[in-house]
Amino acid sequence: FLFEVGGDGRKLLYLYAYGEKQLMKG
């Protein structure tokens, strides 16, 4: 995964979909 920390401190996981990053909600 691509891991990022949101502005509110949330732990966000991203994958790629059609060459663009996509947030994996849930």
mmCIF file of all heavy atoms, coordinates in Angstrom:
data_MODEL
# 
_entry.id   MODEL 
# 
loop_
_atom_site.group_PDB 
_atom_site.id 
_atom_site.type_symbol 
_atom_site.label_atom_id 
_atom_site.label_alt_id 
_atom_site.label_comp_id 
_atom_site.label_asym_id 
_atom_site.label_entity_id 
_atom_site.label_seq_id 
_atom_site.pdbx_PDB_ins_code 
_atom_site.Cartn_x 
_atom_site.Cartn_y 
_atom_site.Cartn_z 
_atom_site.occupancy 
_atom_site.B_iso_or_equiv 
_atom_site.pdbx_formal_charge 
_atom_site.auth_seq_id 
_atom_site.auth_comp_id 
_atom_site.auth_asym_id 
_atom_site.auth_atom_id 
_atom_site.pdbx_PDB_model_num 
ATOM 1   N N   . PHE A 1 1  ? 0.836   -1.200 0.000   1.00 0.00 ? 1  PHE A N   1 
ATOM 2   C CA  . PHE A 1 1  ? 0.000   0.000  0.000   1.00 0.00 ? 1  PHE A CA  1 
ATOM 3   C C   . PHE A 1 1  ? 0.874   1.254  0.000   1.00 0.00 ? 1  PHE A C   1 
ATOM 4   O O   . PHE A 1 1  ? 2.020   1.230  0.456   1.00 0.00 ? 1  PHE A O   1 
ATOM 5   C CB  . PHE A 1 1  ? -0.886  0.055  1.252   1.00 0.00 ? 1  PHE A CB  1 
ATOM 6   C CG  . PHE A 1 1  ? -1.933  -0.999 1.356   1.00 0.00 ? 1  PHE A CG  1 
ATOM 7   C CD1 . PHE A 1 1  ? -1.719  -2.152 2.105   1.00 0.00 ? 1  PHE A CD1 1 
ATOM 8   C CD2 . PHE A 1 1  ? -3.163  -0.856 0.722   1.00 0.00 ? 1  PHE A CD2 1 
ATOM 9   C CE1 . PHE A 1 1  ? -2.688  -3.132 2.223   1.00 0.00 ? 1  PHE A CE1 1 
ATOM 10  C CE2 . PHE A 1 1  ? -4.147  -1.820 0.829   1.00 0.00 ? 1  PHE A CE2 1 
ATOM 11  C CZ  . PHE A 1 1  ? -3.909  -2.970 1.581   1.00 0.00 ? 1  PHE A CZ  1 
ATOM 12  N N   . LEU A 1 2  ? 0.300   2.347  -0.467  1.00 0.00 ? 2  LEU A N   1 
ATOM 13  C CA  . LEU A 1 2  ? 0.854   3.677  -0.208  1.00 0.00 ? 2  LEU A CA  1 
ATOM 14  C C   . LEU A 1 2  ? 0.181   4.174  1.064   1.00 0.00 ? 2  LEU A C   1 
ATOM 15  O O   . LEU A 1 2  ? -1.050  4.269  1.129   1.00 0.00 ? 2  LEU A O   1 
ATOM 16  C CB  . LEU A 1 2  ? 0.579   4.633  -1.367  1.00 0.00 ? 2  LEU A CB  1 
ATOM 17  C CG  . LEU A 1 2  ? 0.892   6.110  -1.102  1.00 0.00 ? 2  LEU A CG  1 
ATOM 18  C CD1 . LEU A 1 2  ? 2.365   6.328  -0.787  1.00 0.00 ? 2  LEU A CD1 1 
ATOM 19  C CD2 . LEU A 1 2  ? 0.460   6.977  -2.278  1.00 0.00 ? 2  LEU A CD2 1 
ATOM 20  N N   . PHE A 1 3  ? 0.984   4.467  2.084   1.00 0.00 ? 3  PHE A N   1 
ATOM 21  C CA  . PHE A 1 3  ? 0.437   4.902  3.371   1.00 0.00 ? 3  PHE A CA  1 
ATOM 22  C C   . PHE A 1 3  ? 0.586   6.405  3.527   1.00 0.00 ? 3  PHE A C   1 
ATOM 23  O O   . PHE A 1 3  ? 1.647   6.966  3.247   1.00 0.00 ? 3  PHE A O   1 
ATOM 24  C CB  . PHE A 1 3  ? 1.155   4.190  4.519   1.00 0.00 ? 3  PHE A CB  1 
ATOM 25  C CG  . PHE A 1 3  ? 0.732   4.670  5.885   1.00 0.00 ? 3  PHE A CG  1 
ATOM 26  C CD1 . PHE A 1 3  ? -0.527  4.376  6.377   1.00 0.00 ? 3  PHE A CD1 1 
ATOM 27  C CD2 . PHE A 1 3  ? 1.602   5.417  6.668   1.00 0.00 ? 3  PHE A CD2 1 
ATOM 28  C CE1 . PHE A 1 3  ? -0.916  4.812  7.633   1.00 0.00 ? 3  PHE A CE1 1 
ATOM 29  C CE2 . PHE A 1 3  ? 1.227   5.864  7.924   1.00 0.00 ? 3  PHE A CE2 1 
ATOM 30  C CZ  . PHE A 1 3  ? -0.038  5.560  8.415   1.00 0.00 ? 3  PHE A CZ  1 
ATOM 31  N N   . GLU A 1 4  ? -0.471  7.049  3.956   1.00 0.00 ? 4  GLU A N   1 
ATOM 32  C CA  . GLU A 1 4  ? -0.430  8.485  4.238   1.00 0.00 ? 4  GLU A CA  1 
ATOM 33  C C   . GLU A 1 4  ? -1.207  8.779  5.512   1.00 0.00 ? 4  GLU A C   1 
ATOM 34  O O   . GLU A 1 4  ? -2.144  8.044  5.866   1.00 0.00 ? 4  GLU A O   1 
ATOM 35  C CB  . GLU A 1 4  ? -1.011  9.291  3.073   1.00 0.00 ? 4  GLU A CB  1 
ATOM 36  C CG  . GLU A 1 4  ? -0.170  9.239  1.800   1.00 0.00 ? 4  GLU A CG  1 
ATOM 37  C CD  . GLU A 1 4  ? -0.729  10.116 0.690   1.00 0.00 ? 4  GLU A CD  1 
ATOM 38  O OE1 . GLU A 1 4  ? -1.777  10.766 0.920   1.00 0.00 ? 4  GLU A OE1 1 
ATOM 39  O OE2 . GLU A 1 4  ? -0.129  10.141 -0.403  1.00 0.00 ? 4  GLU A OE2 1 
ATOM 40  N N   . VAL A 1 5  ? -0.822  9.853  6.170   1.00 0.00 ? 5  VAL A N   1 
ATOM 41  C CA  . VAL A 1 5  ? -1.529  10.307 7.360   1.00 0.00 ? 5  VAL A CA  1 
ATOM 42  C C   . VAL A 1 5  ? -2.375  11.508 6.980   1.00 0.00 ? 5  VAL A C   1 
ATOM 43  O O   . VAL A 1 5  ? -1.860  12.496 6.445   1.00 0.00 ? 5  VAL A O   1 
ATOM 44  C CB  . VAL A 1 5  ? -0.553  10.681 8.495   1.00 0.00 ? 5  VAL A CB  1 
ATOM 45  C CG1 . VAL A 1 5  ? -1.316  11.191 9.704   1.00 0.00 ? 5  VAL A CG1 1 
ATOM 46  C CG2 . VAL A 1 5  ? 0.311   9.478  8.870   1.00 0.00 ? 5  VAL A CG2 1 
ATOM 47  N N   . GLY A 1 6  ? -3.683  11.409 7.199   1.00 0.00 ? 6  GLY A N   1 
ATOM 48  C CA  . GLY A 1 6  ? -4.592  12.496 6.853   1.00 0.00 ? 6  GLY A CA  1 
ATOM 49  C C   . GLY A 1 6  ? -4.443  13.694 7.770   1.00 0.00 ? 6  GLY A C   1 
ATOM 50  O O   . GLY A 1 6  ? -3.770  13.627 8.812   1.00 0.00 ? 6  GLY A O   1 
ATOM 51  N N   . GLY A 1 7  ? -5.074  14.803 7.394   1.00 0.00 ? 7  GLY A N   1 
ATOM 52  C CA  . GLY A 1 7  ? -4.989  16.018 8.191   1.00 0.00 ? 7  GLY A CA  1 
ATOM 53  C C   . GLY A 1 7  ? -5.545  15.849 9.589   1.00 0.00 ? 7  GLY A C   1 
ATOM 54  O O   . GLY A 1 7  ? -5.137  16.535 10.528  1.00 0.00 ? 7  GLY A O   1 
ATOM 55  N N   . ASP A 1 8  ? -6.480  14.922 9.739   1.00 0.00 ? 8  ASP A N   1 
ATOM 56  C CA  . ASP A 1 8  ? -7.065  14.654 11.049  1.00 0.00 ? 8  ASP A CA  1 
ATOM 57  C C   . ASP A 1 8  ? -6.363  13.519 11.774  1.00 0.00 ? 8  ASP A C   1 
ATOM 58  O O   . ASP A 1 8  ? -6.866  13.014 12.787  1.00 0.00 ? 8  ASP A O   1 
ATOM 59  C CB  . ASP A 1 8  ? -8.552  14.325 10.900  1.00 0.00 ? 8  ASP A CB  1 
ATOM 60  C CG  . ASP A 1 8  ? -8.790  13.190 9.906   1.00 0.00 ? 8  ASP A CG  1 
ATOM 61  O OD1 . ASP A 1 8  ? -7.800  12.684 9.350   1.00 0.00 ? 8  ASP A OD1 1 
ATOM 62  O OD2 . ASP A 1 8  ? -9.962  12.826 9.689   1.00 0.00 ? 8  ASP A OD2 1 
ATOM 63  N N   . GLY A 1 9  ? -5.196  13.088 11.248  1.00 0.00 ? 9  GLY A N   1 
ATOM 64  C CA  . GLY A 1 9  ? -4.444  12.023 11.888  1.00 0.00 ? 9  GLY A CA  1 
ATOM 65  C C   . GLY A 1 9  ? -4.870  10.628 11.495  1.00 0.00 ? 9  GLY A C   1 
ATOM 66  O O   . GLY A 1 9  ? -4.323  9.648  12.010  1.00 0.00 ? 9  GLY A O   1 
ATOM 67  N N   . ARG A 1 10 ? -5.820  10.499 10.574  1.00 0.00 ? 10 ARG A N   1 
ATOM 68  C CA  . ARG A 1 10 ? -6.276  9.171  10.158  1.00 0.00 ? 10 ARG A CA  1 
ATOM 69  C C   . ARG A 1 10 ? -5.204  8.460  9.354   1.00 0.00 ? 10 ARG A C   1 
ATOM 70  O O   . ARG A 1 10 ? -4.440  9.078  8.614   1.00 0.00 ? 10 ARG A O   1 
ATOM 71  C CB  . ARG A 1 10 ? -7.558  9.284  9.328   1.00 0.00 ? 10 ARG A CB  1 
ATOM 72  C CG  . ARG A 1 10 ? -8.805  9.626  10.127  1.00 0.00 ? 10 ARG A CG  1 
ATOM 73  C CD  . ARG A 1 10 ? -10.036 9.541  9.234   1.00 0.00 ? 10 ARG A CD  1 
ATOM 74  N NE  . ARG A 1 10 ? -9.893  10.415 8.065   1.00 0.00 ? 10 ARG A NE  1 
ATOM 75  C CZ  . ARG A 1 10 ? -10.394 10.136 6.862   1.00 0.00 ? 10 ARG A CZ  1 
ATOM 76  N NH1 . ARG A 1 10 ? -11.049 9.001  6.675   1.00 0.00 ? 10 ARG A NH1 1 
ATOM 77  N NH2 . ARG A 1 10 ? -10.250 10.989 5.860   1.00 0.00 ? 10 ARG A NH2 1 
ATOM 78  N N   . LYS A 1 11 ? -5.179  7.120  9.477   1.00 0.00 ? 11 LYS A N   1 
ATOM 79  C CA  . LYS A 1 11 ? -4.250  6.293  8.719   1.00 0.00 ? 11 LYS A CA  1 
ATOM 80  C C   . LYS A 1 11 ? -4.933  5.898  7.412   1.00 0.00 ? 11 LYS A C   1 
ATOM 81  O O   . LYS A 1 11 ? -5.942  5.182  7.431   1.00 0.00 ? 11 LYS A O   1 
ATOM 82  C CB  . LYS A 1 11 ? -3.864  5.053  9.515   1.00 0.00 ? 11 LYS A CB  1 
ATOM 83  C CG  . LYS A 1 11 ? -3.263  5.359  10.878  1.00 0.00 ? 11 LYS A CG  1 
ATOM 84  C CD  . LYS A 1 11 ? -3.104  4.077  11.700  1.00 0.00 ? 11 LYS A CD  1 
ATOM 85  C CE  . LYS A 1 11 ? -2.685  4.377  13.121  1.00 0.00 ? 11 LYS A CE  1 
ATOM 86  N NZ  . LYS A 1 11 ? -2.639  3.149  13.949  1.00 0.00 ? 11 LYS A NZ  1 
ATOM 87  N N   . LEU A 1 12 ? -4.367  6.346  6.297   1.00 0.00 ? 12 LEU A N   1 
ATOM 88  C CA  . LEU A 1 12 ? -4.989  6.139  4.991   1.00 0.00 ? 12 LEU A CA  1 
ATOM 89  C C   . LEU A 1 12 ? -4.158  5.177  4.154   1.00 0.00 ? 12 LEU A C   1 
ATOM 90  O O   . LEU A 1 12 ? -2.931  5.282  4.098   1.00 0.00 ? 12 LEU A O   1 
ATOM 91  C CB  . LEU A 1 12 ? -5.132  7.477  4.260   1.00 0.00 ? 12 LEU A CB  1 
ATOM 92  C CG  . LEU A 1 12 ? -5.853  8.595  5.029   1.00 0.00 ? 12 LEU A CG  1 
ATOM 93  C CD1 . LEU A 1 12 ? -5.849  9.882  4.219   1.00 0.00 ? 12 LEU A CD1 1 
ATOM 94  C CD2 . LEU A 1 12 ? -7.280  8.182  5.363   1.00 0.00 ? 12 LEU A CD2 1 
ATOM 95  N N   . LEU A 1 13 ? -4.836  4.244  3.509   1.00 0.00 ? 13 LEU A N   1 
ATOM 96  C CA  . LEU A 1 13 ? -4.194  3.279  2.626   1.00 0.00 ? 13 LEU A CA  1 
ATOM 97  C C   . LEU A 1 13 ? -4.656  3.510  1.197   1.00 0.00 ? 13 LEU A C   1 
ATOM 98  O O   . LEU A 1 13 ? -5.856  3.606  0.939   1.00 0.00 ? 13 LEU A O   1 
ATOM 99  C CB  . LEU A 1 13 ? -4.528  1.847  3.063   1.00 0.00 ? 13 LEU A CB  1 
ATOM 100 C CG  . LEU A 1 13 ? -3.979  1.408  4.424   1.00 0.00 ? 13 LEU A CG  1 
ATOM 101 C CD1 . LEU A 1 13 ? -4.483  0.018  4.776   1.00 0.00 ? 13 LEU A CD1 1 
ATOM 102 C CD2 . LEU A 1 13 ? -2.453  1.438  4.432   1.00 0.00 ? 13 LEU A CD2 1 
ATOM 103 N N   . TYR A 1 14 ? -3.678  3.584  0.273   1.00 0.00 ? 14 TYR A N   1 
ATOM 104 C CA  . TYR A 1 14 ? -3.984  3.831  -1.136  1.00 0.00 ? 14 TYR A CA  1 
ATOM 105 C C   . TYR A 1 14 ? -3.435  2.695  -1.996  1.00 0.00 ? 14 TYR A C   1 
ATOM 106 O O   . TYR A 1 14 ? -2.394  2.095  -1.694  1.00 0.00 ? 14 TYR A O   1 
ATOM 107 C CB  . TYR A 1 14 ? -3.355  5.143  -1.612  1.00 0.00 ? 14 TYR A CB  1 
ATOM 108 C CG  . TYR A 1 14 ? -3.959  6.394  -1.008  1.00 0.00 ? 14 TYR A CG  1 
ATOM 109 C CD1 . TYR A 1 14 ? -3.470  6.902  0.192   1.00 0.00 ? 14 TYR A CD1 1 
ATOM 110 C CD2 . TYR A 1 14 ? -5.001  7.059  -1.641  1.00 0.00 ? 14 TYR A CD2 1 
ATOM 111 C CE1 . TYR A 1 14 ? -4.008  8.053  0.748   1.00 0.00 ? 14 TYR A CE1 1 
ATOM 112 C CE2 . TYR A 1 14 ? -5.549  8.217  -1.095  1.00 0.00 ? 14 TYR A CE2 1 
ATOM 113 C CZ  . TYR A 1 14 ? -5.049  8.701  0.096   1.00 0.00 ? 14 TYR A CZ  1 
ATOM 114 O OH  . TYR A 1 14 ? -5.591  9.846  0.646   1.00 0.00 ? 14 TYR A OH  1 
ATOM 115 N N   . LEU A 1 15 ? -4.133  2.415  -3.083  1.00 0.00 ? 15 LEU A N   1 
ATOM 116 C CA  . LEU A 1 15 ? -3.666  1.525  -4.130  1.00 0.00 ? 15 LEU A CA  1 
ATOM 117 C C   . LEU A 1 15 ? -3.740  2.261  -5.456  1.00 0.00 ? 15 LEU A C   1 
ATOM 118 O O   . LEU A 1 15 ? -4.177  3.420  -5.495  1.00 0.00 ? 15 LEU A O   1 
ATOM 119 C CB  . LEU A 1 15 ? -4.506  0.243  -4.173  1.00 0.00 ? 15 LEU A CB  1 
ATOM 120 C CG  . LEU A 1 15 ? -4.397  -0.679 -2.960  1.00 0.00 ? 15 LEU A CG  1 
ATOM 121 C CD1 . LEU A 1 15 ? -5.421  -1.795 -3.045  1.00 0.00 ? 15 LEU A CD1 1 
ATOM 122 C CD2 . LEU A 1 15 ? -2.989  -1.263 -2.846  1.00 0.00 ? 15 LEU A CD2 1 
ATOM 123 N N   . TYR A 1 16 ? -3.325  1.612  -6.530  1.00 0.00 ? 16 TYR A N   1 
ATOM 124 C CA  . TYR A 1 16 ? -3.405  2.216  -7.854  1.00 0.00 ? 16 TYR A CA  1 
ATOM 125 C C   . TYR A 1 16 ? -4.599  1.650  -8.617  1.00 0.00 ? 16 TYR A C   1 
ATOM 126 O O   . TYR A 1 16 ? -4.859  0.448  -8.558  1.00 0.00 ? 16 TYR A O   1 
ATOM 127 C CB  . TYR A 1 16 ? -2.119  1.942  -8.642  1.00 0.00 ? 16 TYR A CB  1 
ATOM 128 C CG  . TYR A 1 16 ? -1.184  3.133  -8.694  1.00 0.00 ? 16 TYR A CG  1 
ATOM 129 C CD1 . TYR A 1 16 ? -1.168  4.072  -7.673  1.00 0.00 ? 16 TYR A CD1 1 
ATOM 130 C CD2 . TYR A 1 16 ? -0.305  3.313  -9.758  1.00 0.00 ? 16 TYR A CD2 1 
ATOM 131 C CE1 . TYR A 1 16 ? -0.313  5.145  -7.719  1.00 0.00 ? 16 TYR A CE1 1 
ATOM 132 C CE2 . TYR A 1 16 ? 0.557   4.395  -9.808  1.00 0.00 ? 16 TYR A CE2 1 
ATOM 133 C CZ  . TYR A 1 16 ? 0.537   5.314  -8.781  1.00 0.00 ? 16 TYR A CZ  1 
ATOM 134 O OH  . TYR A 1 16 ? 1.381   6.391  -8.814  1.00 0.00 ? 16 TYR A OH  1 
ATOM 135 N N   . ALA A 1 17 ? -5.305  2.520  -9.298  1.00 0.00 ? 17 ALA A N   1 
ATOM 136 C CA  . ALA A 1 17 ? -6.390  2.122  -10.192 1.00 0.00 ? 17 ALA A CA  1 
ATOM 137 C C   . ALA A 1 17 ? -6.263  2.957  -11.456 1.00 0.00 ? 17 ALA A C   1 
ATOM 138 O O   . ALA A 1 17 ? -6.371  4.187  -11.403 1.00 0.00 ? 17 ALA A O   1 
ATOM 139 C CB  . ALA A 1 17 ? -7.749  2.340  -9.534  1.00 0.00 ? 17 ALA A CB  1 
ATOM 140 N N   . TYR A 1 18 ? -5.954  2.300  -12.562 1.00 0.00 ? 18 TYR A N   1 
ATOM 141 C CA  . TYR A 1 18 ? -5.773  2.964  -13.857 1.00 0.00 ? 18 TYR A CA  1 
ATOM 142 C C   . TYR A 1 18 ? -4.711  4.058  -13.785 1.00 0.00 ? 18 TYR A C   1 
ATOM 143 O O   . TYR A 1 18 ? -4.852  5.150  -14.328 1.00 0.00 ? 18 TYR A O   1 
ATOM 144 C CB  . TYR A 1 18 ? -7.107  3.551  -14.336 1.00 0.00 ? 18 TYR A CB  1 
ATOM 145 C CG  . TYR A 1 18 ? -8.204  2.537  -14.444 1.00 0.00 ? 18 TYR A CG  1 
ATOM 146 C CD1 . TYR A 1 18 ? -9.225  2.491  -13.487 1.00 0.00 ? 18 TYR A CD1 1 
ATOM 147 C CD2 . TYR A 1 18 ? -8.224  1.591  -15.463 1.00 0.00 ? 18 TYR A CD2 1 
ATOM 148 C CE1 . TYR A 1 18 ? -10.234 1.544  -13.560 1.00 0.00 ? 18 TYR A CE1 1 
ATOM 149 C CE2 . TYR A 1 18 ? -9.225  0.635  -15.543 1.00 0.00 ? 18 TYR A CE2 1 
ATOM 150 C CZ  . TYR A 1 18 ? -10.222 0.616  -14.592 1.00 0.00 ? 18 TYR A CZ  1 
ATOM 151 O OH  . TYR A 1 18 ? -11.208 -0.335 -14.664 1.00 0.00 ? 18 TYR A OH  1 
ATOM 152 N N   . GLY A 1 19 ? -3.643  3.760  -13.057 1.00 0.00 ? 19 GLY A N   1 
ATOM 153 C CA  . GLY A 1 19 ? -2.517  4.679  -12.990 1.00 0.00 ? 19 GLY A CA  1 
ATOM 154 C C   . GLY A 1 19 ? -2.674  5.815  -12.007 1.00 0.00 ? 19 GLY A C   1 
ATOM 155 O O   . GLY A 1 19 ? -1.791  6.655  -11.897 1.00 0.00 ? 19 GLY A O   1 
ATOM 156 N N   . GLU A 1 20 ? -3.781  5.865  -11.270 1.00 0.00 ? 20 GLU A N   1 
ATOM 157 C CA  . GLU A 1 20 ? -4.005  6.913  -10.273 1.00 0.00 ? 20 GLU A CA  1 
ATOM 158 C C   . GLU A 1 20 ? -4.216  6.278  -8.906  1.00 0.00 ? 20 GLU A C   1 
ATOM 159 O O   . GLU A 1 20 ? -4.752  5.175  -8.791  1.00 0.00 ? 20 GLU A O   1 
ATOM 160 C CB  . GLU A 1 20 ? -5.225  7.757  -10.644 1.00 0.00 ? 20 GLU A CB  1 
ATOM 161 C CG  . GLU A 1 20 ? -5.128  8.435  -12.010 1.00 0.00 ? 20 GLU A CG  1 
ATOM 162 C CD  . GLU A 1 20 ? -4.055  9.501  -12.056 1.00 0.00 ? 20 GLU A CD  1 
ATOM 163 O OE1 . GLU A 1 20 ? -3.726  10.031 -10.974 1.00 0.00 ? 20 GLU A OE1 1 
ATOM 164 O OE2 . GLU A 1 20 ? -3.552  9.794  -13.153 1.00 0.00 ? 20 GLU A OE2 1 
ATOM 165 N N   . LYS A 1 21 ? -3.783  6.981  -7.850  1.00 0.00 ? 21 LYS A N   1 
ATOM 166 C CA  . LYS A 1 21 ? -3.957  6.401  -6.524  1.00 0.00 ? 21 LYS A CA  1 
ATOM 167 C C   . LYS A 1 21 ? -5.415  6.475  -6.098  1.00 0.00 ? 21 LYS A C   1 
ATOM 168 O O   . LYS A 1 21 ? -6.120  7.451  -6.383  1.00 0.00 ? 21 LYS A O   1 
ATOM 169 C CB  . LYS A 1 21 ? -3.044  7.085  -5.510  1.00 0.00 ? 21 LYS A CB  1 
ATOM 170 C CG  . LYS A 1 21 ? -3.405  8.504  -5.120  1.00 0.00 ? 21 LYS A CG  1 
ATOM 171 C CD  . LYS A 1 21 ? -2.441  8.996  -4.039  1.00 0.00 ? 21 LYS A CD  1 
ATOM 172 C CE  . LYS A 1 21 ? -2.878  10.335 -3.468  1.00 0.00 ? 21 LYS A CE  1 
ATOM 173 N NZ  . LYS A 1 21 ? -1.991  10.794 -2.385  1.00 0.00 ? 21 LYS A NZ  1 
ATOM 174 N N   . GLN A 1 22 ? -5.837  5.424  -5.418  1.00 0.00 ? 22 GLN A N   1 
ATOM 175 C CA  . GLN A 1 22 ? -7.237  5.312  -4.990  1.00 0.00 ? 22 GLN A CA  1 
ATOM 176 C C   . GLN A 1 22 ? -7.276  4.953  -3.514  1.00 0.00 ? 22 GLN A C   1 
ATOM 177 O O   . GLN A 1 22 ? -6.648  3.998  -3.067  1.00 0.00 ? 22 GLN A O   1 
ATOM 178 C CB  . GLN A 1 22 ? -7.959  4.242  -5.807  1.00 0.00 ? 22 GLN A CB  1 
ATOM 179 C CG  . GLN A 1 22 ? -9.386  3.968  -5.356  1.00 0.00 ? 22 GLN A CG  1 
ATOM 180 C CD  . GLN A 1 22 ? -10.064 2.936  -6.224  1.00 0.00 ? 22 GLN A CD  1 
ATOM 181 O OE1 . GLN A 1 22 ? -10.056 3.039  -7.453  1.00 0.00 ? 22 GLN A OE1 1 
ATOM 182 N NE2 . GLN A 1 22 ? -10.637 1.913  -5.607  1.00 0.00 ? 22 GLN A NE2 1 
ATOM 183 N N   . LEU A 1 23 ? -8.022  5.733  -2.729  1.00 0.00 ? 23 LEU A N   1 
ATOM 184 C CA  . LEU A 1 23 ? -8.158  5.489  -1.297  1.00 0.00 ? 23 LEU A CA  1 
ATOM 185 C C   . LEU A 1 23 ? -8.984  4.233  -1.071  1.00 0.00 ? 23 LEU A C   1 
ATOM 186 O O   . LEU A 1 23 ? -10.075 4.074  -1.624  1.00 0.00 ? 23 LEU A O   1 
ATOM 187 C CB  . LEU A 1 23 ? -8.820  6.688  -0.619  1.00 0.00 ? 23 LEU A CB  1 
ATOM 188 C CG  . LEU A 1 23 ? -9.106  6.543  0.884   1.00 0.00 ? 23 LEU A CG  1 
ATOM 189 C CD1 . LEU A 1 23 ? -7.801  6.400  1.662   1.00 0.00 ? 23 LEU A CD1 1 
ATOM 190 C CD2 . LEU A 1 23 ? -9.909  7.741  1.388   1.00 0.00 ? 23 LEU A CD2 1 
ATOM 191 N N   . MET A 1 24 ? -8.463  3.321  -0.240  1.00 0.00 ? 24 MET A N   1 
ATOM 192 C CA  . MET A 1 24 ? -9.179  2.096  0.088   1.00 0.00 ? 24 MET A CA  1 
ATOM 193 C C   . MET A 1 24 ? -10.000 2.341  1.349   1.00 0.00 ? 24 MET A C   1 
ATOM 194 O O   . MET A 1 24 ? -9.536  2.143  2.478   1.00 0.00 ? 24 MET A O   1 
ATOM 195 C CB  . MET A 1 24 ? -8.185  0.937  0.275   1.00 0.00 ? 24 MET A CB  1 
ATOM 196 C CG  . MET A 1 24 ? -7.288  0.697  -0.926  1.00 0.00 ? 24 MET A CG  1 
ATOM 197 S SD  . MET A 1 24 ? -8.227  0.451  -2.455  1.00 0.00 ? 24 MET A SD  1 
ATOM 198 C CE  . MET A 1 24 ? -9.026  -1.110 -2.094  1.00 0.00 ? 24 MET A CE  1 
ATOM 199 N N   . LYS A 1 25 ? -11.207 2.818  1.138   1.00 0.00 ? 25 LYS A N   1 
ATOM 200 C CA  . LYS A 1 25 ? -12.084 3.162  2.260   1.00 0.00 ? 25 LYS A CA  1 
ATOM 201 C C   . LYS A 1 25 ? -12.445 1.911  3.047   1.00 0.00 ? 25 LYS A C   1 
ATOM 202 O O   . LYS A 1 25 ? -12.719 0.863  2.479   1.00 0.00 ? 25 LYS A O   1 
ATOM 203 C CB  . LYS A 1 25 ? -13.344 3.840  1.744   1.00 0.00 ? 25 LYS A CB  1 
ATOM 204 C CG  . LYS A 1 25 ? -13.084 5.168  1.045   1.00 0.00 ? 25 LYS A CG  1 
ATOM 205 C CD  . LYS A 1 25 ? -14.377 5.782  0.535   1.00 0.00 ? 25 LYS A CD  1 
ATOM 206 C CE  . LYS A 1 25 ? -14.106 7.110  -0.173  1.00 0.00 ? 25 LYS A CE  1 
ATOM 207 N NZ  . LYS A 1 25 ? -15.355 7.718  -0.699  1.00 0.00 ? 25 LYS A NZ  1 
ATOM 208 N N   . GLY A 1 26 ? -12.448 2.031  4.348   1.00 0.00 ? 26 GLY A N   1 
ATOM 209 C CA  . GLY A 1 26 ? -12.815 0.918  5.218   1.00 0.00 ? 26 GLY A CA  1 
ATOM 210 C C   . GLY A 1 26 ? -11.661 0.017  5.605   1.00 0.00 ? 26 GLY A C   1 
ATOM 211 O O   . GLY A 1 26 ? -11.799 -0.832 6.490   1.00 0.00 ? 26 GLY A O   1 
# 
